[in-house]
Amino acid sequence: MKSILTTLLLFLSLSVFGQQISWKDWEVESKTDIRLLPKYGNAEKTPEQKKIDQDFIAMSLAQDTTHRKASDHLIGLGFKYIYRDIKTAMYRFNQAYLLDPTNADI
């Protein structure tokens, strides 16, 4: 339920607060950039993307020590960006999901 509400809030902010990208443009871009879709659109990642994910997870754990702490850190960053740069916010929320898919705060 929280992920649905977060997604709705995210897309509401796109239309209400006049972000740099329109909903139509977002839809077009998200067809080729899974980072713009919640939970990466549940898409199958390439071996290269999986390697990048593993490197990112290792780097995040070196900084924040646990998956949950790293995920929470990225959620905080996502909310800091949500009104300034919606794309970056979505990237951070997806990275938080990558680190801890059970984190309901995403």
PDB file of N, CA and C in Angstrom:
ATOM      1  N   MET A   1       0.822  -1.188   0.000  1.00  0.00           N
ATOM      2  CA  MET A   1       0.000   0.000   0.000  1.00  0.00           C
ATOM      3  C   MET A   1       0.871   1.258   0.000  1.00  0.00           C
ATOM      4  N   LYS A   2       1.949   1.218   0.829  1.00  0.00           N
ATOM      5  CA  LYS A   2       2.820   2.397   0.887  1.00  0.00           C
ATOM      6  C   LYS A   2       3.481   2.663  -0.455  1.00  0.00           C
ATOM      7  N   SER A   3       3.855   1.580  -1.159  1.00  0.00           N
ATOM      8  CA  SER A   3       4.506   1.802  -2.453  1.00  0.00           C
ATOM      9  C   SER A   3       3.534   2.415  -3.452  1.00  0.00           C
ATOM     10  N   ILE A   4       2.274   2.036  -3.367  1.00  0.00           N
ATOM     11  CA  ILE A   4       1.268   2.637  -4.246  1.00  0.00           C
ATOM     12  C   ILE A   4       1.104   4.114  -3.917  1.00  0.00           C
ATOM     13  N   LEU A   5       1.026   4.433  -2.633  1.00  0.00           N
ATOM     14  CA  LEU A   5       0.881   5.830  -2.231  1.00  0.00           C
ATOM     15  C   LEU A   5       2.103   6.652  -2.620  1.00  0.00           C
ATOM     16  N   THR A   6       3.281   6.075  -2.451  1.00  0.00           N
ATOM     17  CA  THR A   6       4.501   6.783  -2.822  1.00  0.00           C
ATOM     18  C   THR A   6       4.529   7.045  -4.323  1.00  0.00           C
ATOM     19  N   THR A   7       4.145   6.042  -5.101  1.00  0.00           N
ATOM     20  CA  THR A   7       4.106   6.210  -6.550  1.00  0.00           C
ATOM     21  C   THR A   7       3.112   7.287  -6.941  1.00  0.00           C
ATOM     22  N   LEU A   8       1.933   7.259  -6.327  1.00  0.00           N
ATOM     23  CA  LEU A   8       0.931   8.282  -6.620  1.00  0.00           C
ATOM     24  C   LEU A   8       1.439   9.671  -6.251  1.00  0.00           C
ATOM     25  N   LEU A   9       2.070   9.779  -5.085  1.00  0.00           N
ATOM     26  CA  LEU A   9       2.636  11.066  -4.660  1.00  0.00           C
ATOM     27  C   LEU A   9       3.691  11.540  -5.648  1.00  0.00           C
ATOM     28  N   LEU A  10       4.504  10.618  -6.085  1.00  0.00           N
ATOM     29  CA  LEU A  10       5.555  10.951  -7.040  1.00  0.00           C
ATOM     30  C   LEU A  10       4.964  11.505  -8.333  1.00  0.00           C
ATOM     31  N   PHE A  11       3.994  10.837  -8.878  1.00  0.00           N
ATOM     32  CA  PHE A  11       3.417  11.284 -10.138  1.00  0.00           C
ATOM     33  C   PHE A  11       2.525  12.502  -9.958  1.00  0.00           C
ATOM     34  N   LEU A  12       1.914  12.652  -8.794  1.00  0.00           N
ATOM     35  CA  LEU A  12       1.158  13.862  -8.504  1.00  0.00           C
ATOM     36  C   LEU A  12       2.100  15.060  -8.484  1.00  0.00           C
ATOM     37  N   SER A  13       3.265  14.886  -7.875  1.00  0.00           N
ATOM     38  CA  SER A  13       4.219  15.991  -7.831  1.00  0.00           C
ATOM     39  C   SER A  13       4.700  16.356  -9.231  1.00  0.00           C
ATOM     40  N   LEU A  14       4.735  15.376 -10.133  1.00  0.00           N
ATOM     41  CA  LEU A  14       5.107  15.667 -11.520  1.00  0.00           C
ATOM     42  C   LEU A  14       4.130  16.640 -12.153  1.00  0.00           C
ATOM     43  N   SER A  15       2.845  16.427 -11.931  1.00  0.00           N
ATOM     44  CA  SER A  15       1.851  17.262 -12.587  1.00  0.00           C
ATOM     45  C   SER A  15       1.566  18.544 -11.829  1.00  0.00           C
ATOM     46  N   VAL A  16       1.537  18.505 -10.515  1.00  0.00           N
ATOM     47  CA  VAL A  16       1.144  19.667  -9.721  1.00  0.00           C
ATOM     48  C   VAL A  16       2.267  20.687  -9.574  1.00  0.00           C
ATOM     49  N   PHE A  17       3.466  20.248  -9.353  1.00  0.00           N
ATOM     50  CA  PHE A  17       4.545  21.166  -9.023  1.00  0.00           C
ATOM     51  C   PHE A  17       5.419  21.535 -10.217  1.00  0.00           C
ATOM     52  N   GLY A  18       5.005  21.183 -11.405  1.00  0.00           N
ATOM     53  CA  GLY A  18       5.700  21.641 -12.613  1.00  0.00           C
ATOM     54  C   GLY A  18       7.152  21.241 -12.684  1.00  0.00           C
ATOM     55  N   GLN A  19       7.435  19.970 -12.528  1.00  0.00           N
ATOM     56  CA  GLN A  19       8.812  19.504 -12.623  1.00  0.00           C
ATOM     57  C   GLN A  19       9.347  19.721 -14.031  1.00  0.00           C
ATOM     58  N   GLN A  20      10.625  19.470 -14.212  1.00  0.00           N
ATOM     59  CA  GLN A  20      11.276  19.709 -15.482  1.00  0.00           C
ATOM     60  C   GLN A  20      10.806  18.757 -16.582  1.00  0.00           C
ATOM     61  N   ILE A  21      10.101  17.717 -16.254  1.00  0.00           N
ATOM     62  CA  ILE A  21       9.705  16.724 -17.235  1.00  0.00           C
ATOM     63  C   ILE A  21       8.197  16.528 -17.159  1.00  0.00           C
ATOM     64  N   SER A  22       7.560  16.472 -18.302  1.00  0.00           N
ATOM     65  CA  SER A  22       6.112  16.268 -18.323  1.00  0.00           C
ATOM     66  C   SER A  22       5.805  14.779 -18.153  1.00  0.00           C
ATOM     67  N   TRP A  23       4.552  14.493 -17.823  1.00  0.00           N
ATOM     68  CA  TRP A  23       4.139  13.100 -17.666  1.00  0.00           C
ATOM     69  C   TRP A  23       4.341  12.350 -18.983  1.00  0.00           C
ATOM     70  N   LYS A  24       4.004  12.982 -20.085  1.00  0.00           N
ATOM     71  CA  LYS A  24       4.149  12.348 -21.400  1.00  0.00           C
ATOM     72  C   LYS A  24       5.621  12.017 -21.671  1.00  0.00           C
ATOM     73  N   ASP A  25       6.499  12.973 -21.386  1.00  0.00           N
ATOM     74  CA  ASP A  25       7.933  12.744 -21.573  1.00  0.00           C
ATOM     75  C   ASP A  25       8.437  11.638 -20.642  1.00  0.00           C
ATOM     76  N   TRP A  26       7.909  11.623 -19.421  1.00  0.00           N
ATOM     77  CA  TRP A  26       8.293  10.590 -18.447  1.00  0.00           C
ATOM     78  C   TRP A  26       7.937   9.210 -19.000  1.00  0.00           C
ATOM     79  N   GLU A  27       6.727   9.082 -19.533  1.00  0.00           N
ATOM     80  CA  GLU A  27       6.293   7.801 -20.091  1.00  0.00           C
ATOM     81  C   GLU A  27       7.203   7.363 -21.225  1.00  0.00           C
ATOM     82  N   VAL A  28       7.576   8.281 -22.095  1.00  0.00           N
ATOM     83  CA  VAL A  28       8.442   7.964 -23.226  1.00  0.00           C
ATOM     84  C   VAL A  28       9.819   7.537 -22.720  1.00  0.00           C
ATOM     85  N   GLU A  29      10.395   8.319 -21.834  1.00  0.00           N
ATOM     86  CA  GLU A  29      11.733   8.001 -21.313  1.00  0.00           C
ATOM     87  C   GLU A  29      11.763   6.696 -20.538  1.00  0.00           C
ATOM     88  N   SER A  30      10.689   6.419 -19.793  1.00  0.00           N
ATOM     89  CA  SER A  30      10.673   5.216 -18.960  1.00  0.00           C
ATOM     90  C   SER A  30      10.621   3.930 -19.794  1.00  0.00           C
ATOM     91  N   LYS A  31      10.290   4.039 -21.064  1.00  0.00           N
ATOM     92  CA  LYS A  31      10.288   2.861 -21.928  1.00  0.00           C
ATOM     93  C   LYS A  31      11.702   2.375 -22.229  1.00  0.00           C
ATOM     94  N   THR A  32      12.675   3.279 -22.129  1.00  0.00           N
ATOM     95  CA  THR A  32      14.066   2.905 -22.393  1.00  0.00           C
ATOM     96  C   THR A  32      14.964   3.042 -21.172  1.00  0.00           C
ATOM     97  N   ASP A  33      14.434   3.557 -20.075  1.00  0.00           N
ATOM     98  CA  ASP A  33      15.225   3.737 -18.852  1.00  0.00           C
ATOM     99  C   ASP A  33      14.444   3.166 -17.671  1.00  0.00           C
ATOM    100  N   ILE A  34      14.745   1.920 -17.308  1.00  0.00           N
ATOM    101  CA  ILE A  34      13.995   1.268 -16.230  1.00  0.00           C
ATOM    102  C   ILE A  34      14.193   1.950 -14.883  1.00  0.00           C
ATOM    103  N   ARG A  35      15.207   2.809 -14.770  1.00  0.00           N
ATOM    104  CA  ARG A  35      15.430   3.527 -13.510  1.00  0.00           C
ATOM    105  C   ARG A  35      14.308   4.507 -13.213  1.00  0.00           C
ATOM    106  N   LEU A  36      13.482   4.830 -14.188  1.00  0.00           N
ATOM    107  CA  LEU A  36      12.366   5.754 -13.991  1.00  0.00           C
ATOM    108  C   LEU A  36      11.082   5.047 -13.571  1.00  0.00           C
ATOM    109  N   LEU A  37      11.121   3.724 -13.484  1.00  0.00           N
ATOM    110  CA  LEU A  37       9.951   2.946 -13.093  1.00  0.00           C
ATOM    111  C   LEU A  37      10.108   2.443 -11.658  1.00  0.00           C
ATOM    112  N   PRO A  38       9.049   2.482 -10.868  1.00  0.00           N
ATOM    113  CA  PRO A  38       9.148   1.918  -9.513  1.00  0.00           C
ATOM    114  C   PRO A  38       9.629   0.466  -9.575  1.00  0.00           C
ATOM    115  N   LYS A  39      10.527   0.125  -8.688  1.00  0.00           N
ATOM    116  CA  LYS A  39      11.120  -1.217  -8.621  1.00  0.00           C
ATOM    117  C   LYS A  39      11.746  -1.628  -9.955  1.00  0.00           C
ATOM    118  N   TYR A  40      12.297  -0.648 -10.634  1.00  0.00           N
ATOM    119  CA  TYR A  40      12.933  -0.875 -11.940  1.00  0.00           C
ATOM    120  C   TYR A  40      11.986  -1.548 -12.925  1.00  0.00           C
ATOM    121  N   GLY A  41      10.700  -1.347 -12.723  1.00  0.00           N
ATOM    122  CA  GLY A  41       9.707  -1.936 -13.617  1.00  0.00           C
ATOM    123  C   GLY A  41       9.687  -3.454 -13.569  1.00  0.00           C
ATOM    124  N   ASN A  42      10.292  -4.031 -12.535  1.00  0.00           N
ATOM    125  CA  ASN A  42      10.420  -5.497 -12.418  1.00  0.00           C
ATOM    126  C   ASN A  42      11.016  -6.118 -13.677  1.00  0.00           C
ATOM    127  N   ALA A  43      11.859  -5.344 -14.360  1.00  0.00           N
ATOM    128  CA  ALA A  43      12.481  -5.807 -15.601  1.00  0.00           C
ATOM    129  C   ALA A  43      13.657  -6.732 -15.308  1.00  0.00           C
ATOM    130  N   GLU A  44      13.920  -7.642 -16.222  1.00  0.00           N
ATOM    131  CA  GLU A  44      15.095  -8.496 -16.129  1.00  0.00           C
ATOM    132  C   GLU A  44      16.308  -7.658 -16.520  1.00  0.00           C
ATOM    133  N   LYS A  45      17.308  -7.638 -15.656  1.00  0.00           N
ATOM    134  CA  LYS A  45      18.499  -6.825 -15.915  1.00  0.00           C
ATOM    135  C   LYS A  45      19.541  -7.619 -16.682  1.00  0.00           C
ATOM    136  N   THR A  46      20.357  -6.885 -17.412  1.00  0.00           N
ATOM    137  CA  THR A  46      21.448  -7.501 -18.163  1.00  0.00           C
ATOM    138  C   THR A  46      22.559  -7.889 -17.191  1.00  0.00           C
ATOM    139  N   PRO A  47      23.462  -8.774 -17.595  1.00  0.00           N
ATOM    140  CA  PRO A  47      24.603  -9.104 -16.728  1.00  0.00           C
ATOM    141  C   PRO A  47      25.416  -7.860 -16.338  1.00  0.00           C
ATOM    142  N   GLU A  48      25.558  -6.925 -17.258  1.00  0.00           N
ATOM    143  CA  GLU A  48      26.294  -5.687 -16.955  1.00  0.00           C
ATOM    144  C   GLU A  48      25.562  -4.876 -15.879  1.00  0.00           C
ATOM    145  N   GLN A  49      24.255  -4.752 -16.000  1.00  0.00           N
ATOM    146  CA  GLN A  49      23.470  -4.023 -14.997  1.00  0.00           C
ATOM    147  C   GLN A  49      23.559  -4.716 -13.634  1.00  0.00           C
ATOM    148  N   LYS A  50      23.534  -6.039 -13.635  1.00  0.00           N
ATOM    149  CA  LYS A  50      23.640  -6.793 -12.375  1.00  0.00           C
ATOM    150  C   LYS A  50      24.998  -6.560 -11.720  1.00  0.00           C
ATOM    151  N   LYS A  51      26.050  -6.493 -12.532  1.00  0.00           N
ATOM    152  CA  LYS A  51      27.402  -6.226 -12.000  1.00  0.00           C
ATOM    153  C   LYS A  51      27.462  -4.823 -11.402  1.00  0.00           C
ATOM    154  N   ILE A  52      26.880  -3.855 -12.093  1.00  0.00           N
ATOM    155  CA  ILE A  52      26.841  -2.479 -11.585  1.00  0.00           C
ATOM    156  C   ILE A  52      26.067  -2.431 -10.270  1.00  0.00           C
ATOM    157  N   ASP A  53      24.958  -3.162 -10.207  1.00  0.00           N
ATOM    158  CA  ASP A  53      24.169  -3.228  -8.969  1.00  0.00           C
ATOM    159  C   ASP A  53      24.993  -3.797  -7.819  1.00  0.00           C
ATOM    160  N   GLN A  54      25.714  -4.874  -8.077  1.00  0.00           N
ATOM    161  CA  GLN A  54      26.530  -5.489  -7.027  1.00  0.00           C
ATOM    162  C   GLN A  54      27.631  -4.541  -6.545  1.00  0.00           C
ATOM    163  N   ASP A  55      28.250  -3.831  -7.465  1.00  0.00           N
ATOM    164  CA  ASP A  55      29.278  -2.849  -7.092  1.00  0.00           C
ATOM    165  C   ASP A  55      28.657  -1.733  -6.245  1.00  0.00           C
ATOM    166  N   PHE A  56      27.460  -1.278  -6.637  1.00  0.00           N
ATOM    167  CA  PHE A  56      26.768  -0.237  -5.890  1.00  0.00           C
ATOM    168  C   PHE A  56      26.403  -0.716  -4.488  1.00  0.00           C
ATOM    169  N   ILE A  57      25.915  -1.939  -4.382  1.00  0.00           N
ATOM    170  CA  ILE A  57      25.556  -2.500  -3.077  1.00  0.00           C
ATOM    171  C   ILE A  57      26.785  -2.576  -2.180  1.00  0.00           C
ATOM    172  N   ALA A  58      27.900  -3.052  -2.715  1.00  0.00           N
ATOM    173  CA  ALA A  58      29.144  -3.144  -1.939  1.00  0.00           C
ATOM    174  C   ALA A  58      29.589  -1.761  -1.461  1.00  0.00           C
ATOM    175  N   MET A  59      29.519  -0.771  -2.337  1.00  0.00           N
ATOM    176  CA  MET A  59      29.911   0.594  -1.972  1.00  0.00           C
ATOM    177  C   MET A  59      28.986   1.145  -0.876  1.00  0.00           C
ATOM    178  N   SER A  60      27.694   0.896  -1.020  1.00  0.00           N
ATOM    179  CA  SER A  60      26.718   1.395  -0.042  1.00  0.00           C
ATOM    180  C   SER A  60      26.906   0.738   1.316  1.00  0.00           C
ATOM    181  N   LEU A  61      27.178  -0.559   1.322  1.00  0.00           N
ATOM    182  CA  LEU A  61      27.381  -1.268   2.584  1.00  0.00           C
ATOM    183  C   LEU A  61      28.679  -0.837   3.265  1.00  0.00           C
ATOM    184  N   ALA A  62      29.671  -0.454   2.490  1.00  0.00           N
ATOM    185  CA  ALA A  62      30.917   0.051   3.073  1.00  0.00           C
ATOM    186  C   ALA A  62      30.661   1.364   3.806  1.00  0.00           C
ATOM    187  N   GLN A  63      29.702   2.135   3.324  1.00  0.00           N
ATOM    188  CA  GLN A  63      29.393   3.429   3.929  1.00  0.00           C
ATOM    189  C   GLN A  63      28.392   3.300   5.079  1.00  0.00           C
ATOM    190  N   ASP A  64      27.322   2.529   4.877  1.00  0.00           N
ATOM    191  CA  ASP A  64      26.228   2.498   5.855  1.00  0.00           C
ATOM    192  C   ASP A  64      26.111   1.191   6.639  1.00  0.00           C
ATOM    193  N   THR A  65      26.937   0.213   6.407  1.00  0.00           N
ATOM    194  CA  THR A  65      27.109  -1.052   7.127  1.00  0.00           C
ATOM    195  C   THR A  65      25.988  -2.086   7.007  1.00  0.00           C
ATOM    196  N   THR A  66      24.734  -1.703   6.868  1.00  0.00           N
ATOM    197  CA  THR A  66      23.663  -2.684   6.686  1.00  0.00           C
ATOM    198  C   THR A  66      22.791  -2.284   5.500  1.00  0.00           C
ATOM    199  N   HIS A  67      22.112  -3.272   4.956  1.00  0.00           N
ATOM    200  CA  HIS A  67      21.213  -3.003   3.834  1.00  0.00           C
ATOM    201  C   HIS A  67      20.123  -2.008   4.228  1.00  0.00           C
ATOM    202  N   ARG A  68      19.561  -2.163   5.429  1.00  0.00           N
ATOM    203  CA  ARG A  68      18.471  -1.280   5.863  1.00  0.00           C
ATOM    204  C   ARG A  68      18.963   0.153   6.043  1.00  0.00           C
ATOM    205  N   LYS A  69      20.120   0.329   6.677  1.00  0.00           N
ATOM    206  CA  LYS A  69      20.652   1.688   6.853  1.00  0.00           C
ATOM    207  C   LYS A  69      20.934   2.351   5.516  1.00  0.00           C
ATOM    208  N   ALA A  70      21.518   1.607   4.604  1.00  0.00           N
ATOM    209  CA  ALA A  70      21.820   2.163   3.283  1.00  0.00           C
ATOM    210  C   ALA A  70      20.535   2.502   2.539  1.00  0.00           C
ATOM    211  N   SER A  71      19.544   1.627   2.647  1.00  0.00           N
ATOM    212  CA  SER A  71      18.256   1.873   2.011  1.00  0.00           C
ATOM    213  C   SER A  71      17.591   3.117   2.601  1.00  0.00           C
ATOM    214  N   ASP A  72      17.591   3.231   3.916  1.00  0.00           N
ATOM    215  CA  ASP A  72      17.005   4.407   4.577  1.00  0.00           C
ATOM    216  C   ASP A  72      17.713   5.694   4.162  1.00  0.00           C
ATOM    217  N   HIS A  73      19.026   5.625   4.041  1.00  0.00           N
ATOM    218  CA  HIS A  73      19.808   6.791   3.610  1.00  0.00           C
ATOM    219  C   HIS A  73      19.347   7.260   2.224  1.00  0.00           C
ATOM    220  N   LEU A  74      19.166   6.316   1.322  1.00  0.00           N
ATOM    221  CA  LEU A  74      18.748   6.656  -0.043  1.00  0.00           C
ATOM    222  C   LEU A  74      17.300   7.144  -0.097  1.00  0.00           C
ATOM    223  N   ILE A  75      16.455   6.614   0.760  1.00  0.00           N
ATOM    224  CA  ILE A  75      15.076   7.113   0.830  1.00  0.00           C
ATOM    225  C   ILE A  75      15.096   8.583   1.247  1.00  0.00           C
ATOM    226  N   GLY A  76      15.914   8.901   2.232  1.00  0.00           N
ATOM    227  CA  GLY A  76      16.053  10.297   2.663  1.00  0.00           C
ATOM    228  C   GLY A  76      16.517  11.186   1.526  1.00  0.00           C
ATOM    229  N   LEU A  77      17.488  10.714   0.766  1.00  0.00           N
ATOM    230  CA  LEU A  77      17.965  11.497  -0.379  1.00  0.00           C
ATOM    231  C   LEU A  77      16.856  11.650  -1.427  1.00  0.00           C
ATOM    232  N   GLY A  78      16.102  10.596  -1.643  1.00  0.00           N
ATOM    233  CA  GLY A  78      15.004  10.658  -2.603  1.00  0.00           C
ATOM    234  C   GLY A  78      14.004  11.737  -2.249  1.00  0.00           C
ATOM    235  N   PHE A  79      13.649  11.815  -0.964  1.00  0.00           N
ATOM    236  CA  PHE A  79      12.691  12.841  -0.553  1.00  0.00           C
ATOM    237  C   PHE A  79      13.286  14.240  -0.606  1.00  0.00           C
ATOM    238  N   LYS A  80      14.596  14.363  -0.448  1.00  0.00           N
ATOM    239  CA  LYS A  80      15.227  15.677  -0.602  1.00  0.00           C
ATOM    240  C   LYS A  80      15.157  16.160  -2.046  1.00  0.00           C
ATOM    241  N   TYR A  81      15.228  15.228  -2.986  1.00  0.00           N
ATOM    242  CA  TYR A  81      15.207  15.582  -4.404  1.00  0.00           C
ATOM    243  C   TYR A  81      13.809  15.672  -5.000  1.00  0.00           C
ATOM    244  N   ILE A  82      12.807  15.158  -4.332  1.00  0.00           N
ATOM    245  CA  ILE A  82      11.498  14.960  -4.960  1.00  0.00           C
ATOM    246  C   ILE A  82      10.904  16.225  -5.570  1.00  0.00           C
ATOM    247  N   TYR A  83      11.155  17.378  -4.991  1.00  0.00           N
ATOM    248  CA  TYR A  83      10.578  18.613  -5.543  1.00  0.00           C
ATOM    249  C   TYR A  83      11.556  19.383  -6.430  1.00  0.00           C
ATOM    250  N   ARG A  84      12.823  18.985  -6.435  1.00  0.00           N
ATOM    251  CA  ARG A  84      13.821  19.680  -7.243  1.00  0.00           C
ATOM    252  C   ARG A  84      14.160  18.942  -8.524  1.00  0.00           C
ATOM    253  N   ASP A  85      14.281  17.630  -8.424  1.00  0.00           N
ATOM    254  CA  ASP A  85      14.695  16.828  -9.569  1.00  0.00           C
ATOM    255  C   ASP A  85      14.059  15.449  -9.433  1.00  0.00           C
ATOM    256  N   ILE A  86      12.896  15.298 -10.013  1.00  0.00           N
ATOM    257  CA  ILE A  86      12.095  14.100  -9.830  1.00  0.00           C
ATOM    258  C   ILE A  86      12.787  12.844 -10.356  1.00  0.00           C
ATOM    259  N   LYS A  87      13.580  12.982 -11.410  1.00  0.00           N
ATOM    260  CA  LYS A  87      14.288  11.828 -11.948  1.00  0.00           C
ATOM    261  C   LYS A  87      15.312  11.305 -10.943  1.00  0.00           C
ATOM    262  N   THR A  88      16.076  12.200 -10.356  1.00  0.00           N
ATOM    263  CA  THR A  88      17.060  11.794  -9.362  1.00  0.00           C
ATOM    264  C   THR A  88      16.367  11.172  -8.157  1.00  0.00           C
ATOM    265  N   ALA A  89      15.227  11.724  -7.769  1.00  0.00           N
ATOM    266  CA  ALA A  89      14.469  11.149  -6.657  1.00  0.00           C
ATOM    267  C   ALA A  89      14.082   9.705  -6.968  1.00  0.00           C
ATOM    268  N   MET A  90      13.587   9.464  -8.173  1.00  0.00           N
ATOM    269  CA  MET A  90      13.194   8.104  -8.546  1.00  0.00           C
ATOM    270  C   MET A  90      14.395   7.172  -8.563  1.00  0.00           C
ATOM    271  N   TYR A  91      15.536   7.670  -9.050  1.00  0.00           N
ATOM    272  CA  TYR A  91      16.749   6.858  -9.039  1.00  0.00           C
ATOM    273  C   TYR A  91      17.093   6.444  -7.612  1.00  0.00           C
ATOM    274  N   ARG A  92      17.006   7.385  -6.660  1.00  0.00           N
ATOM    275  CA  ARG A  92      17.351   7.075  -5.264  1.00  0.00           C
ATOM    276  C   ARG A  92      16.365   6.083  -4.646  1.00  0.00           C
ATOM    277  N   PHE A  93      15.075   6.248  -4.942  1.00  0.00           N
ATOM    278  CA  PHE A  93      14.091   5.301  -4.412  1.00  0.00           C
ATOM    279  C   PHE A  93      14.343   3.895  -4.974  1.00  0.00           C
ATOM    280  N   ASN A  94      14.698   3.808  -6.244  1.00  0.00           N
ATOM    281  CA  ASN A  94      15.003   2.502  -6.825  1.00  0.00           C
ATOM    282  C   ASN A  94      16.273   1.904  -6.229  1.00  0.00           C
ATOM    283  N   GLN A  95      17.266   2.738  -5.965  1.00  0.00           N
ATOM    284  CA  GLN A  95      18.483   2.238  -5.325  1.00  0.00           C
ATOM    285  C   GLN A  95      18.166   1.743  -3.914  1.00  0.00           C
ATOM    286  N   ALA A  96      17.284   2.445  -3.222  1.00  0.00           N
ATOM    287  CA  ALA A  96      16.862   1.998  -1.888  1.00  0.00           C
ATOM    288  C   ALA A  96      16.183   0.641  -1.988  1.00  0.00           C
ATOM    289  N   TYR A  97      15.363   0.460  -3.010  1.00  0.00           N
ATOM    290  CA  TYR A  97      14.698  -0.823  -3.249  1.00  0.00           C
ATOM    291  C   TYR A  97      15.729  -1.911  -3.542  1.00  0.00           C
ATOM    292  N   LEU A  98      16.730  -1.578  -4.321  1.00  0.00           N
ATOM    293  CA  LEU A  98      17.788  -2.532  -4.651  1.00  0.00           C
ATOM    294  C   LEU A  98      18.486  -3.039  -3.378  1.00  0.00           C
ATOM    295  N   LEU A  99      18.717  -2.138  -2.460  1.00  0.00           N
ATOM    296  CA  LEU A  99      19.413  -2.498  -1.224  1.00  0.00           C
ATOM    297  C   LEU A  99      18.523  -3.269  -0.248  1.00  0.00           C
ATOM    298  N   ASP A 100      17.250  -2.921  -0.186  1.00  0.00           N
ATOM    299  CA  ASP A 100      16.347  -3.605   0.739  1.00  0.00           C
ATOM    300  C   ASP A 100      14.925  -3.582   0.206  1.00  0.00           C
ATOM    301  N   PRO A 101      14.551  -4.556  -0.610  1.00  0.00           N
ATOM    302  CA  PRO A 101      13.224  -4.575  -1.193  1.00  0.00           C
ATOM    303  C   PRO A 101      12.099  -4.740  -0.164  1.00  0.00           C
ATOM    304  N   THR A 102      12.447  -5.094   1.070  1.00  0.00           N
ATOM    305  CA  THR A 102      11.419  -5.235   2.114  1.00  0.00           C
ATOM    306  C   THR A 102      11.167  -3.947   2.867  1.00  0.00           C
ATOM    307  N   ASN A 103      11.910  -2.886   2.559  1.00  0.00           N
ATOM    308  CA  ASN A 103      11.768  -1.623   3.264  1.00  0.00           C
ATOM    309  C   ASN A 103      10.467  -0.935   2.815  1.00  0.00           C
ATOM    310  N   ALA A 104       9.465  -0.947   3.676  1.00  0.00           N
ATOM    311  CA  ALA A 104       8.145  -0.397   3.334  1.00  0.00           C
ATOM    312  C   ALA A 104       8.172   1.118   3.185  1.00  0.00           C
ATOM    313  N   ASP A 105       9.209   1.798   3.660  1.00  0.00           N
ATOM    314  CA  ASP A 105       9.283   3.254   3.545  1.00  0.00           C
ATOM    315  C   ASP A 105       9.544   3.719   2.103  1.00  0.00           C
ATOM    316  N   ILE A 106       9.997   2.814   1.264  1.00  0.00           N
ATOM    317  CA  ILE A 106      10.247   3.179  -0.123  1.00  0.00           C
ATOM    318  C   ILE A 106       8.948   3.567  -0.771  1.00  0.00           C
TER     319      ILE A 106
END
